[in-house]
PDB file of N, CA and C in Angstrom:
ATOM      1  N   UNK A   1     194.885 131.503 141.833  1.00  0.00           N
ATOM      2  CA  UNK A   1     193.662 130.172 142.502  1.00  0.00           C
ATOM      3  C   UNK A   1     192.793 131.040 141.725  1.00  0.00           C
ATOM      4  N   UNK A   2     192.451 131.803 141.723  1.00  0.00           N
ATOM      5  CA  UNK A   2     190.644 132.354 142.341  1.00  0.00           C
ATOM      6  C   UNK A   2     189.723 131.907 141.008  1.00  0.00           C
ATOM      7  N   UNK A   3     190.940 132.254 140.062  1.00  0.00           N
ATOM      8  CA  UNK A   3     190.056 132.033 138.900  1.00  0.00           C
ATOM      9  C   UNK A   3     189.678 130.571 138.428  1.00  0.00           C
ATOM     10  N   UNK A   4     190.615 129.987 139.561  1.00  0.00           N
ATOM     11  CA  UNK A   4     190.142 127.851 139.454  1.00  0.00           C
ATOM     12  C   UNK A   4     188.890 128.022 139.857  1.00  0.00           C
ATOM     13  N   UNK A   5     189.220 128.742 141.163  1.00  0.00           N
ATOM     14  CA  UNK A   5     187.733 128.128 142.040  1.00  0.00           C
ATOM     15  C   UNK A   5     186.439 129.127 141.566  1.00  0.00           C
ATOM     16  N   UNK A   6     186.914 130.448 140.873  1.00  0.00           N
ATOM     17  CA  UNK A   6     185.056 130.374 140.358  1.00  0.00           C
ATOM     18  C   UNK A   6     185.041 129.295 139.476  1.00  0.00           C
ATOM     19  N   UNK A   7     185.340 128.761 138.650  1.00  0.00           N
ATOM     20  CA  UNK A   7     185.140 127.456 138.145  1.00  0.00           C
ATOM     21  C   UNK A   7     184.410 126.634 138.950  1.00  0.00           C
ATOM     22  N   UNK A   8     184.401 126.486 140.233  1.00  0.00           N
ATOM     23  CA  UNK A   8     184.206 125.654 141.041  1.00  0.00           C
ATOM     24  C   UNK A   8     182.688 125.713 141.565  1.00  0.00           C
ATOM     25  N   UNK A   9     182.829 126.909 141.137  1.00  0.00           N
ATOM     26  CA  UNK A   9     181.285 128.178 142.880  1.00  0.00           C
ATOM     27  C   UNK A   9     180.355 126.779 142.095  1.00  0.00           C
ATOM     28  N   UNK A  10     179.503 127.230 142.514  1.00  0.00           N
ATOM     29  CA  UNK A  10     177.872 126.572 141.990  1.00  0.00           C
ATOM     30  C   UNK A  10     177.620 127.556 141.404  1.00  0.00           C
ATOM     31  N   UNK A  11     176.359 126.843 140.321  1.00  0.00           N
ATOM     32  CA  UNK A  11     175.455 128.372 139.899  1.00  0.00           C
ATOM     33  C   UNK A  11     174.829 129.088 141.023  1.00  0.00           C
ATOM     34  N   UNK A  12     175.260 131.189 140.571  1.00  0.00           N
ATOM     35  CA  UNK A  12     173.927 131.535 141.283  1.00  0.00           C
ATOM     36  C   UNK A  12     172.700 130.977 141.084  1.00  0.00           C
ATOM     37  N   UNK A  13     172.223 130.278 140.598  1.00  0.00           N
ATOM     38  CA  UNK A  13     170.512 130.635 140.599  1.00  0.00           C
ATOM     39  C   UNK A  13     170.459 129.177 140.908  1.00  0.00           C
ATOM     40  N   UNK A  14     168.833 128.616 141.421  1.00  0.00           N
ATOM     41  CA  UNK A  14     168.914 127.280 141.836  1.00  0.00           C
ATOM     42  C   UNK A  14     167.477 127.096 140.636  1.00  0.00           C
ATOM     43  N   UNK A  15     167.291 125.417 141.275  1.00  0.00           N
ATOM     44  CA  UNK A  15     166.601 125.142 140.708  1.00  0.00           C
ATOM     45  C   UNK A  15     165.058 125.319 140.632  1.00  0.00           C
ATOM     46  N   UNK A  16     165.293 125.826 141.849  1.00  0.00           N
ATOM     47  CA  UNK A  16     163.541 125.869 141.739  1.00  0.00           C
ATOM     48  C   UNK A  16     163.205 127.415 141.057  1.00  0.00           C
ATOM     49  N   UNK A  17     164.202 128.486 140.457  1.00  0.00           N
ATOM     50  CA  UNK A  17     163.770 129.636 139.664  1.00  0.00           C
ATOM     51  C   UNK A  17     163.694 129.324 138.139  1.00  0.00           C
ATOM     52  N   UNK A  18     164.291 127.675 137.843  1.00  0.00           N
ATOM     53  CA  UNK A  18     163.979 127.511 136.239  1.00  0.00           C
ATOM     54  C   UNK A  18     163.052 126.784 136.350  1.00  0.00           C
ATOM     55  N   UNK A  19     161.604 127.417 135.364  1.00  0.00           N
ATOM     56  CA  UNK A  19     161.087 126.446 134.543  1.00  0.00           C
ATOM     57  C   UNK A  19     161.285 125.526 133.602  1.00  0.00           C
ATOM     58  N   UNK A  20     161.828 124.550 133.550  1.00  0.00           N
ATOM     59  CA  UNK A  20     161.466 124.089 132.880  1.00  0.00           C
ATOM     60  C   UNK A  20     159.952 123.468 131.510  1.00  0.00           C
ATOM     61  N   UNK A  21     160.056 122.810 132.095  1.00  0.00           N
ATOM     62  CA  UNK A  21     158.745 122.621 131.003  1.00  0.00           C
ATOM     63  C   UNK A  21     157.169 122.862 132.655  1.00  0.00           C
ATOM     64  N   UNK A  22     156.474 124.113 131.419  1.00  0.00           N
ATOM     65  CA  UNK A  22     155.694 124.645 132.563  1.00  0.00           C
ATOM     66  C   UNK A  22     154.266 124.308 132.152  1.00  0.00           C
ATOM     67  N   UNK A  23     154.013 123.119 130.782  1.00  0.00           N
ATOM     68  CA  UNK A  23     153.225 122.704 130.447  1.00  0.00           C
ATOM     69  C   UNK A  23     152.993 121.549 129.949  1.00  0.00           C
ATOM     70  N   UNK A  24     153.353 120.499 130.486  1.00  0.00           N
ATOM     71  CA  UNK A  24     153.258 118.998 130.409  1.00  0.00           C
ATOM     72  C   UNK A  24     152.454 118.587 129.425  1.00  0.00           C
ATOM     73  N   UNK A  25     151.259 118.636 129.335  1.00  0.00           N
ATOM     74  CA  UNK A  25     150.511 118.190 128.548  1.00  0.00           C
ATOM     75  C   UNK A  25     150.369 118.494 126.973  1.00  0.00           C
ATOM     76  N   UNK A  26     151.512 119.507 126.962  1.00  0.00           N
ATOM     77  CA  UNK A  26     151.517 119.871 125.341  1.00  0.00           C
ATOM     78  C   UNK A  26     152.311 118.914 124.632  1.00  0.00           C
ATOM     79  N   UNK A  27     153.529 118.771 126.220  1.00  0.00           N
ATOM     80  CA  UNK A  27     154.419 117.455 125.384  1.00  0.00           C
ATOM     81  C   UNK A  27     153.537 116.148 124.978  1.00  0.00           C
ATOM     82  N   UNK A  28     152.622 115.800 126.135  1.00  0.00           N
ATOM     83  CA  UNK A  28     151.975 114.374 126.085  1.00  0.00           C
ATOM     84  C   UNK A  28     151.111 114.537 124.825  1.00  0.00           C
ATOM     85  N   UNK A  29     150.495 115.951 124.258  1.00  0.00           N
ATOM     86  CA  UNK A  29     149.614 115.164 123.739  1.00  0.00           C
ATOM     87  C   UNK A  29     150.137 115.887 122.378  1.00  0.00           C
ATOM     88  N   UNK A  30     151.375 116.334 121.773  1.00  0.00           N
ATOM     89  CA  UNK A  30     152.101 116.676 120.261  1.00  0.00           C
ATOM     90  C   UNK A  30     152.850 114.968 119.882  1.00  0.00           C
ATOM     91  N   UNK A  31     153.190 114.093 121.587  1.00  0.00           N
ATOM     92  CA  UNK A  31     153.746 113.099 120.495  1.00  0.00           C
ATOM     93  C   UNK A  31     152.171 112.144 120.824  1.00  0.00           C
ATOM     94  N   UNK A  32     150.956 112.285 120.995  1.00  0.00           N
ATOM     95  CA  UNK A  32     150.125 111.630 120.837  1.00  0.00           C
ATOM     96  C   UNK A  32     149.535 112.043 118.900  1.00  0.00           C
ATOM     97  N   UNK A  33     150.091 113.062 119.016  1.00  0.00           N
ATOM     98  CA  UNK A  33     149.817 113.433 117.716  1.00  0.00           C
ATOM     99  C   UNK A  33     150.110 113.094 116.596  1.00  0.00           C
ATOM    100  N   UNK A  34     151.646 113.018 116.944  1.00  0.00           N
ATOM    101  CA  UNK A  34     152.464 111.994 116.357  1.00  0.00           C
ATOM    102  C   UNK A  34     151.832 110.745 116.138  1.00  0.00           C
ATOM    103  N   UNK A  35     151.895 109.898 117.424  1.00  0.00           N
ATOM    104  CA  UNK A  35     151.896 108.955 117.114  1.00  0.00           C
ATOM    105  C   UNK A  35     150.642 108.188 116.193  1.00  0.00           C
ATOM    106  N   UNK A  36     149.358 108.834 116.558  1.00  0.00           N
ATOM    107  CA  UNK A  36     148.347 109.081 115.281  1.00  0.00           C
ATOM    108  C   UNK A  36     148.630 109.356 114.662  1.00  0.00           C
ATOM    109  N   UNK A  37     149.605 110.312 113.403  1.00  0.00           N
ATOM    110  CA  UNK A  37     149.419 110.617 112.254  1.00  0.00           C
ATOM    111  C   UNK A  37     150.750 109.525 112.285  1.00  0.00           C
ATOM    112  N   UNK A  38     151.548 109.068 112.513  1.00  0.00           N
ATOM    113  CA  UNK A  38     152.199 108.026 111.635  1.00  0.00           C
ATOM    114  C   UNK A  38     151.685 106.484 111.677  1.00  0.00           C
ATOM    115  N   UNK A  39     150.750 106.523 112.276  1.00  0.00           N
ATOM    116  CA  UNK A  39     150.382 105.631 112.082  1.00  0.00           C
ATOM    117  C   UNK A  39     148.745 105.368 110.720  1.00  0.00           C
ATOM    118  N   UNK A  40     148.187 106.929 110.610  1.00  0.00           N
ATOM    119  CA  UNK A  40     147.553 107.103 109.823  1.00  0.00           C
ATOM    120  C   UNK A  40     148.169 106.601 108.265  1.00  0.00           C
ATOM    121  N   UNK A  41     149.597 107.634 108.873  1.00  0.00           N
ATOM    122  CA  UNK A  41     150.212 107.760 107.319  1.00  0.00           C
ATOM    123  C   UNK A  41     151.006 105.893 106.784  1.00  0.00           C
ATOM    124  N   UNK A  42     151.517 105.256 107.619  1.00  0.00           N
ATOM    125  CA  UNK A  42     151.578 103.626 107.674  1.00  0.00           C
ATOM    126  C   UNK A  42     150.182 103.256 107.000  1.00  0.00           C
ATOM    127  N   UNK A  43     149.670 103.294 106.772  1.00  0.00           N
ATOM    128  CA  UNK A  43     148.541 102.637 106.520  1.00  0.00           C
ATOM    129  C   UNK A  43     147.918 103.108 105.268  1.00  0.00           C
ATOM    130  N   UNK A  44     148.442 104.409 104.778  1.00  0.00           N
ATOM    131  CA  UNK A  44     148.206 104.452 103.460  1.00  0.00           C
ATOM    132  C   UNK A  44     149.151 103.517 102.828  1.00  0.00           C
ATOM    133  N   UNK A  45     148.451 103.886 101.132  1.00  0.00           N
ATOM    134  CA  UNK A  45     149.231 103.008 100.050  1.00  0.00           C
ATOM    135  C   UNK A  45     150.146 103.986  99.734  1.00  0.00           C
ATOM    136  N   UNK A  46     150.900 103.183  99.543  1.00  0.00           N
ATOM    137  CA  UNK A  46     152.769 103.406  98.874  1.00  0.00           C
ATOM    138  C   UNK A  46     151.840 105.098  97.987  1.00  0.00           C
ATOM    139  N   UNK A  47     151.441 104.670  97.030  1.00  0.00           N
ATOM    140  CA  UNK A  47     150.729 105.960  95.893  1.00  0.00           C
ATOM    141  C   UNK A  47     150.280 107.632  96.745  1.00  0.00           C
ATOM    142  N   UNK A  48     149.565 106.988  97.885  1.00  0.00           N
ATOM    143  CA  UNK A  48     149.113 107.935  98.480  1.00  0.00           C
ATOM    144  C   UNK A  48     149.886 108.752  99.649  1.00  0.00           C
ATOM    145  N   UNK A  49     151.679 107.998  99.986  1.00  0.00           N
ATOM    146  CA  UNK A  49     152.310 108.347 100.848  1.00  0.00           C
ATOM    147  C   UNK A  49     153.309 109.293 100.204  1.00  0.00           C
ATOM    148  N   UNK A  50     153.094 108.619  98.701  1.00  0.00           N
ATOM    149  CA  UNK A  50     153.986 109.791  97.461  1.00  0.00           C
ATOM    150  C   UNK A  50     153.936 111.065  97.273  1.00  0.00           C
ATOM    151  N   UNK A  51     152.022 111.314  97.295  1.00  0.00           N
ATOM    152  CA  UNK A  51     151.619 112.197  97.332  1.00  0.00           C
ATOM    153  C   UNK A  51     151.539 113.036  98.752  1.00  0.00           C
ATOM    154  N   UNK A  52     151.950 112.604  99.574  1.00  0.00           N
ATOM    155  CA  UNK A  52     151.708 113.392 100.521  1.00  0.00           C
ATOM    156  C   UNK A  52     152.963 113.664 100.704  1.00  0.00           C
ATOM    157  N   UNK A  53     154.401 113.507 100.899  1.00  0.00           N
ATOM    158  CA  UNK A  53     155.740 113.710 100.997  1.00  0.00           C
ATOM    159  C   UNK A  53     155.616 114.707  99.742  1.00  0.00           C
ATOM    160  N   UNK A  54     155.453 114.237  98.831  1.00  0.00           N
ATOM    161  CA  UNK A  54     155.524 115.484  97.782  1.00  0.00           C
ATOM    162  C   UNK A  54     154.836 117.068  97.687  1.00  0.00           C
ATOM    163  N   UNK A  55     153.636 116.760  98.398  1.00  0.00           N
ATOM    164  CA  UNK A  55     153.108 117.868  98.334  1.00  0.00           C
ATOM    165  C   UNK A  55     153.396 118.879  99.773  1.00  0.00           C
ATOM    166  N   UNK A  56     153.761 117.872 101.190  1.00  0.00           N
ATOM    167  CA  UNK A  56     154.799 118.588 102.624  1.00  0.00           C
ATOM    168  C   UNK A  56     156.263 119.145 101.803  1.00  0.00           C
ATOM    169  N   UNK A  57     156.978 118.387 100.804  1.00  0.00           N
ATOM    170  CA  UNK A  57     157.834 119.284 100.194  1.00  0.00           C
ATOM    171  C   UNK A  57     158.165 120.282  99.310  1.00  0.00           C
ATOM    172  N   UNK A  58     156.804 120.347  98.996  1.00  0.00           N
ATOM    173  CA  UNK A  58     156.560 121.478  97.905  1.00  0.00           C
ATOM    174  C   UNK A  58     156.361 123.076  99.099  1.00  0.00           C
ATOM    175  N   UNK A  59     154.998 122.605  99.762  1.00  0.00           N
ATOM    176  CA  UNK A  59     154.852 123.136 100.808  1.00  0.00           C
ATOM    177  C   UNK A  59     156.408 123.368 102.004  1.00  0.00           C
ATOM    178  N   UNK A  60     157.082 122.974 102.389  1.00  0.00           N
ATOM    179  CA  UNK A  60     158.016 123.020 102.707  1.00  0.00           C
ATOM    180  C   UNK A  60     159.239 123.970 101.768  1.00  0.00           C
ATOM    181  N   UNK A  61     159.350 123.711 100.745  1.00  0.00           N
ATOM    182  CA  UNK A  61     159.982 124.890 100.030  1.00  0.00           C
ATOM    183  C   UNK A  61     160.025 126.143  99.801  1.00  0.00           C
ATOM    184  N   UNK A  62     158.188 126.258  99.529  1.00  0.00           N
ATOM    185  CA  UNK A  62     157.544 127.646  99.187  1.00  0.00           C
ATOM    186  C   UNK A  62     157.673 128.561 100.706  1.00  0.00           C
ATOM    187  N   UNK A  63     157.815 127.362 101.919  1.00  0.00           N
ATOM    188  CA  UNK A  63     157.629 128.332 103.110  1.00  0.00           C
ATOM    189  C   UNK A  63     158.517 129.192 103.731  1.00  0.00           C
ATOM    190  N   UNK A  64     159.886 127.912 102.855  1.00  0.00           N
ATOM    191  CA  UNK A  64     161.066 128.590 102.805  1.00  0.00           C
ATOM    192  C   UNK A  64     162.246 129.337 102.075  1.00  0.00           C
ATOM    193  N   UNK A  65     161.711 129.628 101.231  1.00  0.00           N
ATOM    194  CA  UNK A  65     161.708 130.146 100.113  1.00  0.00           C
ATOM    195  C   UNK A  65     161.261 131.377 100.106  1.00  0.00           C
ATOM    196  N   UNK A  66     160.470 131.703 100.419  1.00  0.00           N
ATOM    197  CA  UNK A  66     159.491 132.856 100.811  1.00  0.00           C
ATOM    198  C   UNK A  66     159.422 133.531 102.253  1.00  0.00           C
TER     199      UNK A  66
END
């Protein structure tokens, strides 16, 4: 039963020891930038969207392969 009691024991660290999000403003700014980027992207014409996505795919492939 000692192994079963060890499974039910509380964790040794407390919530005050754990920093979940030390800079919440970074999260907020990231969301704002993503929303503005999506808005601008959706206002572009289909041809410009295609060019942008192809450029992003080429850049992504270059970064991953090198």
